Amino acid sequence: MNAIRRVVTAAAAIAALLMPLTVRAADPVDVNAIVPMTGGAAFIGKGYSAAFNALETYVNKHGGINGRPLKFVVADDQSNPQISVQLFSALIEKKVPVVLGAALVSECNAMRAMVKDGPLLYCLTPAVHPEAGSYVFSADPSTNDQLAASIHYFRARGWTRIAIITSTDASGQDADKTIAGAMALPMNRGVTEVAHEHFNVTDLSVQAQIERIKAANPQILIAWTTGTPLATVLRGANDSGLQIPVYTNAGNLTYAQMAQYHDFLPKELYFPAVACVVPDGITDAATKAATNTYFQALRDVGVKPEYIESVAYDPALLVVTALRALGPNVTGQRMRDYINGVTNWAGVSGRYNFRTTPQRGLDVSQIFVARWDGAQNNWIAVSKPGGDPR
């Protein structure tokens, strides 16, 4: 039984969060997180929970929070926005200063609508776009920047005829907007959308959409969806003989998926990536050091590092940094102001500067384009940060 990590069901979490607590000097400093430990997005929540566990272990070996132990309290939203809202409401009632989560766009958007003057809500998805100065933060470079850098890379490779297939859920809707915005940038002039198809994440086949894409004669396919729906798209492309490079989102940067989809992976499969995914591409010494610490922290708790854990790791470490600087009784406002004052902070996803990129800290200059290398069983950087080919 893991003594330093507690996963609670939605009903139990709401009751527990509202119980009065007596704080003693030796009590742990709790940091609350709402992530999907069950339901359709459980693979994401389990990765986030592993990151919290690794960071908690590491921090407590190195002094904790000013001598007090750190404890991440993880509540399971069951991949359900309604439950996310219930859990978040209980934490607001408890007047906690910060909440990490949720993992899905629909959940985080539902929660952010509840934030007025705190707590600080650190959404663990790059597809949420908070207003500058708000109490809502978002992990990783935005999907806008991920796509801008990647399409810039495609254009530099001579791939100007692009086909797109996106899911009809909130993530796919965000992708539709951001792809259009990225293609309209001056840096991507000359790139053409030759086909744009949609599908439901529950569809068992996308054969008709793939046939229309194939008829448009694209040079690369953007398949913006995560998990099992990506398998549906890749299998459809393989069965139709569509033999072109495929680009998908960072949520698919998992070893398990690459192994599971081995038989129908395209010859060239590309992703947007942050520094820790492609350590071969890191040139900044501080980012390299942060990444090495992250790798070791995860290995110390028996976890093979990959992208999913990194999405939660940097936000959680930023919160820990703020708690160490401001003390455990910090308010949401002071934590918001502290993090938005952070500049030149090295994390596993790159160099953060919240002055230039409020609520996020990372911009297009921290994005690599990565390719899956089956022979090495790993991702390799094919671009410099920002999208220029290596």
Protein backbone atom coordinates (compact mmCIF):
# COMPACT_ATOMS: atom_id res chain seq x y z
CA MET A 1 0.00 0.00 0.00
CA ASN A 2 1.44 3.37 -0.97
CA ALA A 3 1.68 5.46 2.19
CA ILE A 4 2.42 8.71 0.45
CA ARG A 5 -0.33 8.77 -2.15
CA ARG A 6 -4.07 8.56 -1.60
CA VAL A 7 -6.54 8.05 -4.43
CA VAL A 8 -10.13 8.54 -3.42
CA THR A 9 -13.41 8.01 -5.20
CA ALA A 10 -15.54 11.00 -6.02
CA ALA A 11 -18.09 10.51 -3.25
CA ALA A 12 -15.52 9.80 -0.56
CA ALA A 13 -13.36 12.68 -1.74
CA ILE A 14 -16.13 15.24 -1.41
CA ALA A 15 -16.93 14.15 2.13
CA ALA A 16 -13.27 14.05 3.16
CA LEU A 17 -12.43 17.42 1.68
CA LEU A 18 -15.07 19.16 3.78
CA MET A 19 -13.94 17.70 7.12
CA PRO A 20 -12.23 20.18 9.47
CA LEU A 21 -8.51 19.58 9.99
CA THR A 22 -6.31 20.31 12.99
CA VAL A 23 -2.88 21.36 11.71
CA ARG A 24 0.20 20.50 13.75
CA ALA A 25 3.82 21.35 13.05
CA ALA A 26 4.52 17.81 11.83
CA ASP A 27 1.46 17.58 9.60
CA PRO A 28 2.10 17.17 5.87
CA VAL A 29 1.51 20.00 3.44
CA ASP A 30 -1.30 18.77 1.20
CA VAL A 31 -1.45 19.64 -2.49
CA ASN A 32 -4.77 18.63 -4.04
CA ALA A 33 -5.12 17.18 -7.53
CA ILE A 34 -8.18 16.12 -9.53
CA VAL A 35 -7.31 13.58 -12.24
CA PRO A 36 -9.00 10.61 -13.97
CA MET A 37 -7.89 7.42 -12.26
CA THR A 38 -10.79 5.46 -13.76
CA GLY A 39 -12.88 5.84 -16.92
CA GLY A 40 -11.74 6.51 -20.47
CA ALA A 41 -8.83 8.80 -19.55
CA ALA A 42 -7.48 6.62 -16.73
CA PHE A 43 -4.17 6.06 -18.58
CA ILE A 44 -3.54 9.82 -18.33
CA GLY A 45 -4.49 10.05 -14.66
CA LYS A 46 -2.29 7.13 -13.74
CA GLY A 47 0.67 8.81 -15.44
CA TYR A 48 -0.02 12.04 -13.58
CA SER A 49 -0.36 10.18 -10.28
CA ALA A 50 3.00 8.48 -10.92
CA ALA A 51 4.57 11.91 -11.44
CA PHE A 52 3.10 13.17 -8.15
CA ASN A 53 4.37 10.08 -6.36
CA ALA A 54 7.89 10.49 -7.79
CA LEU A 55 8.04 14.20 -7.00
CA GLU A 56 6.65 13.69 -3.49
CA THR A 57 9.28 11.06 -2.75
CA TYR A 58 12.06 13.25 -4.14
CA VAL A 59 10.95 16.41 -2.32
CA ASN A 60 10.56 14.62 1.00
CA LYS A 61 14.09 13.22 0.65
CA HIS A 62 15.31 16.79 0.20
CA GLY A 63 13.72 18.67 3.07
CA GLY A 64 10.04 18.62 2.17
CA ILE A 65 8.22 21.96 2.43
CA ASN A 66 10.38 23.86 4.92
CA GLY A 67 10.78 20.76 7.04
CA ARG A 68 7.23 19.46 6.68
CA PRO A 69 6.45 16.48 4.45
CA LEU A 70 4.74 17.05 1.12
CA LYS A 71 1.65 15.01 0.29
CA PHE A 72 -0.28 15.00 -2.98
CA VAL A 73 -3.94 14.19 -2.35
CA VAL A 74 -5.35 12.78 -5.58
CA ALA A 75 -9.11 12.62 -6.18
CA ASP A 76 -10.54 10.53 -9.03
CA ASP A 77 -12.92 12.42 -11.33
CA GLN A 78 -13.66 9.19 -13.22
CA SER A 79 -13.05 11.00 -16.57
CA ASN A 80 -16.37 12.80 -15.96
CA PRO A 81 -16.67 16.63 -16.03
CA GLN A 82 -19.64 16.54 -13.64
CA ILE A 83 -17.56 14.79 -11.02
CA SER A 84 -14.63 17.15 -11.66
CA VAL A 85 -16.94 20.05 -10.84
CA GLN A 86 -18.21 18.37 -7.66
CA LEU A 87 -14.70 17.69 -6.44
CA PHE A 88 -13.51 21.18 -7.32
CA SER A 89 -16.49 22.75 -5.58
CA ALA A 90 -15.57 20.91 -2.38
CA LEU A 91 -11.99 22.19 -2.59
CA ILE A 92 -13.19 25.75 -3.16
CA GLU A 93 -15.37 25.38 -0.06
CA LYS A 94 -12.30 24.23 1.86
CA LYS A 95 -10.41 27.34 0.62
CA VAL A 96 -7.34 25.49 -0.61
CA PRO A 97 -4.82 27.74 -2.40
CA VAL A 98 -4.16 25.54 -5.44
CA VAL A 99 -5.60 22.58 -7.35
CA LEU A 100 -3.75 20.58 -9.99
CA GLY A 101 -6.03 19.23 -12.73
CA ALA A 102 -8.04 18.22 -14.51
CA ALA A 103 -6.59 16.23 -17.40
CA LEU A 104 -9.26 16.68 -20.09
CA VAL A 105 -10.25 19.87 -21.89
CA SER A 106 -13.95 19.45 -21.12
CA GLU A 107 -13.26 18.91 -17.42
CA CYS A 108 -10.87 21.82 -17.07
CA ASN A 109 -13.15 24.21 -18.95
CA ALA A 110 -16.00 23.25 -16.61
CA MET A 111 -13.78 23.88 -13.57
CA ARG A 112 -12.28 27.15 -14.79
CA ALA A 113 -15.77 28.63 -15.08
CA MET A 114 -15.99 28.32 -11.27
CA VAL A 115 -12.78 30.27 -10.56
CA LYS A 116 -13.19 33.90 -9.52
CA ASP A 117 -10.63 34.98 -6.93
CA GLY A 118 -9.02 31.59 -6.32
CA PRO A 119 -7.94 28.95 -5.88
CA LEU A 120 -5.20 28.77 -8.47
CA LEU A 121 -6.26 26.09 -10.96
CA TYR A 122 -3.36 24.51 -12.87
CA CYS A 123 -4.96 22.64 -15.78
CA LEU A 124 -2.92 19.61 -16.83
CA THR A 125 -3.62 19.93 -20.54
CA PRO A 126 -2.10 22.21 -23.19
CA ALA A 127 -5.47 22.64 -24.95
CA VAL A 128 -6.87 25.10 -22.38
CA HIS A 129 -6.11 28.75 -23.11
CA PRO A 130 -6.42 30.88 -19.93
CA GLU A 131 -6.77 34.65 -19.88
CA ALA A 132 -3.67 36.56 -18.80
CA GLY A 133 -3.80 37.53 -15.14
CA SER A 134 -6.44 34.94 -14.27
CA TYR A 135 -6.21 32.23 -11.62
CA VAL A 136 -6.10 29.54 -14.31
CA PHE A 137 -2.80 28.16 -15.64
CA SER A 138 -2.18 25.57 -18.35
CA ALA A 139 0.56 22.97 -18.71
CA ASP A 140 3.06 22.69 -21.56
CA PRO A 141 3.33 24.87 -24.67
CA SER A 142 -0.15 25.51 -26.04
CA THR A 143 -1.64 23.42 -28.81
CA ASN A 144 -1.44 26.61 -30.93
CA ASP A 145 2.34 26.65 -30.55
CA GLN A 146 2.68 22.89 -30.99
CA LEU A 147 0.91 23.03 -34.33
CA ALA A 148 2.63 26.23 -35.47
CA ALA A 149 6.08 24.72 -34.93
CA SER A 150 5.13 21.41 -36.51
CA ILE A 151 3.52 22.87 -39.63
CA HIS A 152 6.59 25.09 -40.00
CA TYR A 153 8.68 21.91 -39.97
CA PHE A 154 6.43 20.28 -42.59
CA ARG A 155 6.74 23.30 -44.89
CA ALA A 156 10.53 23.25 -44.50
CA ARG A 157 10.46 19.58 -45.54
CA GLY A 158 8.41 20.46 -48.62
CA TRP A 159 5.17 18.95 -47.30
CA THR A 160 2.71 21.68 -48.23
CA ARG A 161 -0.38 19.61 -49.07
CA ILE A 162 -1.86 18.66 -45.73
CA ALA A 163 -4.87 16.48 -44.92
CA ILE A 164 -6.51 16.60 -41.51
CA ILE A 165 -8.71 14.27 -39.52
CA THR A 166 -9.89 15.37 -36.06
CA SER A 167 -12.28 14.00 -33.48
CA THR A 168 -15.55 15.78 -32.74
CA ASP A 169 -14.89 16.11 -28.99
CA ALA A 170 -13.56 19.21 -27.21
CA SER A 171 -9.93 18.33 -28.04
CA GLY A 172 -10.76 17.96 -31.73
CA GLN A 173 -12.67 21.23 -31.77
CA ASP A 174 -9.68 22.98 -30.23
CA ALA A 175 -7.46 21.36 -32.87
CA ASP A 176 -9.66 22.61 -35.73
CA LYS A 177 -9.20 26.18 -34.52
CA THR A 178 -5.50 25.90 -33.81
CA ILE A 179 -4.65 24.14 -37.07
CA ALA A 180 -6.42 26.90 -38.99
CA GLY A 181 -4.54 29.53 -36.99
CA ALA A 182 -1.17 27.83 -37.47
CA MET A 183 -1.65 27.50 -41.23
CA ALA A 184 -2.55 31.19 -41.47
CA LEU A 185 0.75 32.33 -39.93
CA PRO A 186 3.19 34.09 -42.31
CA MET A 187 5.85 31.48 -41.45
CA ASN A 188 3.55 28.81 -42.92
CA ARG A 189 2.57 30.62 -46.11
CA GLY A 190 2.13 28.19 -48.99
CA VAL A 191 0.78 25.33 -46.88
CA THR A 192 -2.59 24.11 -48.18
CA GLU A 193 -5.34 22.09 -46.52
CA VAL A 194 -6.47 19.60 -49.18
CA ALA A 195 -8.92 17.60 -47.05
CA HIS A 196 -10.44 17.92 -43.59
CA GLU A 197 -12.43 15.05 -42.12
CA HIS A 198 -14.07 14.42 -38.74
CA PHE A 199 -15.08 11.35 -36.77
CA ASN A 200 -16.54 10.41 -33.40
CA VAL A 201 -14.15 8.94 -30.84
CA THR A 202 -16.49 5.94 -30.51
CA ASP A 203 -16.42 5.14 -34.25
CA LEU A 204 -15.04 1.70 -35.07
CA SER A 205 -14.02 2.66 -38.61
CA VAL A 206 -13.00 5.81 -40.51
CA GLN A 207 -12.66 4.09 -43.86
CA ALA A 208 -14.86 6.53 -45.76
CA GLN A 209 -12.96 9.53 -44.40
CA ILE A 210 -9.61 7.96 -45.24
CA GLU A 211 -10.69 7.23 -48.81
CA ARG A 212 -11.66 10.90 -49.30
CA ILE A 213 -8.31 11.96 -47.82
CA LYS A 214 -6.45 9.57 -50.12
CA ALA A 215 -8.25 10.99 -53.16
CA ALA A 216 -7.01 14.49 -52.26
CA ASN A 217 -3.37 13.35 -52.69
CA PRO A 218 -1.90 14.89 -49.50
CA GLN A 219 1.77 14.75 -48.53
CA ILE A 220 1.13 14.37 -44.79
CA LEU A 221 -1.86 13.56 -42.58
CA ILE A 222 -2.57 15.33 -39.29
CA ALA A 223 -4.50 12.86 -37.13
CA TRP A 224 -5.40 14.85 -34.02
CA THR A 225 -6.88 12.47 -31.49
CA THR A 226 -5.62 10.49 -28.50
CA GLY A 227 -5.55 6.83 -27.47
CA THR A 228 -7.82 4.20 -29.01
CA PRO A 229 -9.32 6.60 -31.63
CA LEU A 230 -5.82 7.10 -33.04
CA ALA A 231 -5.56 3.35 -33.54
CA THR A 232 -8.80 3.52 -35.55
CA VAL A 233 -7.31 6.20 -37.82
CA LEU A 234 -3.93 4.49 -38.25
CA ARG A 235 -5.53 1.13 -38.97
CA GLY A 236 -7.81 2.77 -41.53
CA ALA A 237 -4.87 4.44 -43.26
CA ASN A 238 -2.92 1.19 -43.30
CA ASP A 239 -5.84 -0.83 -44.67
CA SER A 240 -6.44 1.77 -47.42
CA GLY A 241 -2.81 1.83 -48.49
CA LEU A 242 -2.39 5.49 -47.54
CA GLN A 243 1.39 5.49 -47.20
CA ILE A 244 2.27 9.04 -46.18
CA PRO A 245 3.77 10.51 -43.00
CA VAL A 246 1.31 10.96 -40.13
CA TYR A 247 1.45 13.59 -37.41
CA THR A 248 -0.48 13.20 -34.17
CA ASN A 249 -0.70 14.95 -30.81
CA ALA A 250 1.55 14.64 -27.80
CA GLY A 251 -1.01 12.65 -25.83
CA ASN A 252 0.05 9.63 -27.88
CA LEU A 253 3.70 9.76 -26.80
CA THR A 254 3.49 6.48 -24.91
CA TYR A 255 5.58 3.35 -25.27
CA ALA A 256 2.51 1.18 -24.67
CA GLN A 257 0.72 2.65 -27.68
CA MET A 258 3.72 2.32 -29.95
CA ALA A 259 4.00 -1.38 -29.01
CA GLN A 260 0.27 -2.00 -29.30
CA TYR A 261 0.00 -0.31 -32.73
CA HIS A 262 3.23 -1.76 -34.10
CA ASP A 263 1.58 -3.75 -36.90
CA PHE A 264 -0.12 -0.74 -38.49
CA LEU A 265 2.14 2.21 -37.63
CA PRO A 266 3.06 4.37 -40.62
CA LYS A 267 6.68 4.41 -41.72
CA GLU A 268 6.96 7.99 -40.48
CA LEU A 269 5.01 9.03 -37.37
CA TYR A 270 5.61 12.53 -35.99
CA PHE A 271 4.66 14.30 -32.76
CA PRO A 272 5.08 17.68 -31.07
CA ALA A 273 7.44 17.13 -28.14
CA VAL A 274 9.01 18.90 -25.19
CA ALA A 275 12.60 18.61 -24.02
CA CYS A 276 12.35 15.51 -21.81
CA VAL A 277 10.83 13.45 -24.65
CA VAL A 278 13.87 14.04 -26.86
CA PRO A 279 16.83 14.50 -24.52
CA ASP A 280 19.12 14.08 -27.53
CA GLY A 281 17.92 17.49 -28.70
CA ILE A 282 18.52 19.40 -25.43
CA THR A 283 21.34 21.92 -25.60
CA ASP A 284 20.50 23.98 -22.48
CA ALA A 285 22.48 22.71 -19.46
CA ALA A 286 19.86 23.63 -16.84
CA THR A 287 17.06 21.93 -18.77
CA LYS A 288 19.27 18.86 -19.18
CA ALA A 289 19.91 18.80 -15.41
CA ALA A 290 16.19 19.17 -14.64
CA THR A 291 15.40 16.35 -17.06
CA ASN A 292 18.00 14.04 -15.51
CA THR A 293 16.52 14.68 -12.04
CA TYR A 294 13.04 13.92 -13.40
CA PHE A 295 14.22 10.66 -14.98
CA GLN A 296 15.89 9.56 -11.74
CA ALA A 297 12.90 10.54 -9.57
CA LEU A 298 10.59 8.40 -11.68
CA ARG A 299 12.98 5.47 -11.82
CA ASP A 300 13.31 5.63 -8.03
CA VAL A 301 9.60 4.77 -7.77
CA GLY A 302 9.74 2.13 -10.51
CA VAL A 303 8.28 4.16 -13.39
CA LYS A 304 9.73 4.35 -16.91
CA PRO A 305 9.69 8.07 -17.79
CA GLU A 306 7.62 9.24 -20.72
CA TYR A 307 5.66 12.30 -21.81
CA ILE A 308 2.47 11.75 -19.77
CA GLU A 309 4.28 12.11 -16.44
CA SER A 310 6.05 15.29 -17.58
CA VAL A 311 2.75 17.14 -18.14
CA ALA A 312 2.02 16.97 -14.40
CA TYR A 313 5.60 17.08 -13.12
CA ASP A 314 6.58 20.66 -13.98
CA PRO A 315 3.31 22.25 -12.72
CA ALA A 316 3.57 20.25 -9.50
CA LEU A 317 7.21 21.27 -9.05
CA LEU A 318 6.33 24.93 -9.66
CA VAL A 319 3.69 24.68 -6.92
CA VAL A 320 6.26 23.08 -4.58
CA THR A 321 8.72 25.89 -5.41
CA ALA A 322 6.07 28.48 -4.53
CA LEU A 323 5.18 26.71 -1.27
CA ARG A 324 8.83 26.62 -0.24
CA ALA A 325 9.22 30.32 -1.00
CA LEU A 326 5.92 31.56 0.46
CA GLY A 327 5.11 28.98 3.13
CA PRO A 328 2.28 26.43 3.32
CA ASN A 329 -0.35 29.00 4.35
CA VAL A 330 -0.09 30.87 1.06
CA THR A 331 -3.24 32.22 -0.60
CA GLY A 332 -4.23 31.49 -4.17
CA GLN A 333 -3.56 35.12 -5.08
CA ARG A 334 -0.01 35.08 -3.72
CA MET A 335 0.71 31.80 -5.47
CA ARG A 336 -0.68 33.14 -8.75
CA ASP A 337 1.46 36.27 -8.48
CA TYR A 338 4.55 34.27 -7.53
CA ILE A 339 4.31 31.87 -10.47
CA ASN A 340 3.53 34.65 -12.94
CA GLY A 341 6.72 36.35 -11.73
CA VAL A 342 8.89 33.33 -12.53
CA THR A 343 11.39 33.87 -15.35
CA ASN A 344 14.13 31.66 -16.74
CA TRP A 345 13.07 28.62 -14.70
CA ALA A 346 14.37 25.31 -16.10
CA GLY A 347 11.89 22.45 -16.12
CA VAL A 348 11.64 19.17 -17.95
CA SER A 349 9.56 20.80 -20.70
CA GLY A 350 12.02 23.64 -21.29
CA ARG A 351 12.78 27.13 -19.99
CA TYR A 352 9.77 28.83 -18.41
CA ASN A 353 9.13 32.59 -18.56
CA PHE A 354 5.73 33.60 -17.21
CA ARG A 355 6.43 37.28 -17.83
CA THR A 356 6.51 36.75 -21.59
CA THR A 357 3.96 33.91 -21.64
CA PRO A 358 1.50 34.46 -18.77
CA GLN A 359 -0.40 31.49 -17.32
CA ARG A 360 1.81 29.00 -19.19
CA GLY A 361 5.47 29.99 -19.19
CA LEU A 362 6.33 28.07 -22.38
CA ASP A 363 5.97 29.18 -25.99
CA VAL A 364 6.68 27.94 -29.51
CA SER A 365 10.44 28.21 -28.94
CA GLN A 366 10.27 25.18 -26.59
CA ILE A 367 8.62 22.82 -29.11
CA PHE A 368 10.50 20.05 -30.89
CA VAL A 369 9.15 17.88 -33.68
CA ALA A 370 9.87 14.24 -32.83
CA ARG A 371 9.69 11.05 -34.90
CA TRP A 372 9.08 7.56 -33.54
CA ASP A 373 12.10 5.35 -34.25
CA GLY A 374 11.03 1.72 -34.03
CA ALA A 375 14.58 0.43 -34.22
CA GLN A 376 15.63 2.49 -31.19
CA ASN A 377 12.22 2.05 -29.53
CA ASN A 378 12.21 5.76 -28.75
CA TRP A 379 11.45 9.23 -30.07
CA ILE A 380 14.17 11.27 -31.74
CA ALA A 381 14.25 15.01 -32.36
CA VAL A 382 14.03 15.84 -36.06
CA SER A 383 13.74 19.58 -35.49
CA LYS A 384 15.42 22.24 -33.43
CA PRO A 385 13.28 24.00 -30.81
CA GLY A 386 10.71 26.03 -32.74
CA GLY A 387 10.40 23.67 -35.71
CA ASP A 388 13.44 24.30 -37.93
CA PRO A 389 14.74 20.95 -39.25
CA ARG A 390 17.92 19.65 -37.62
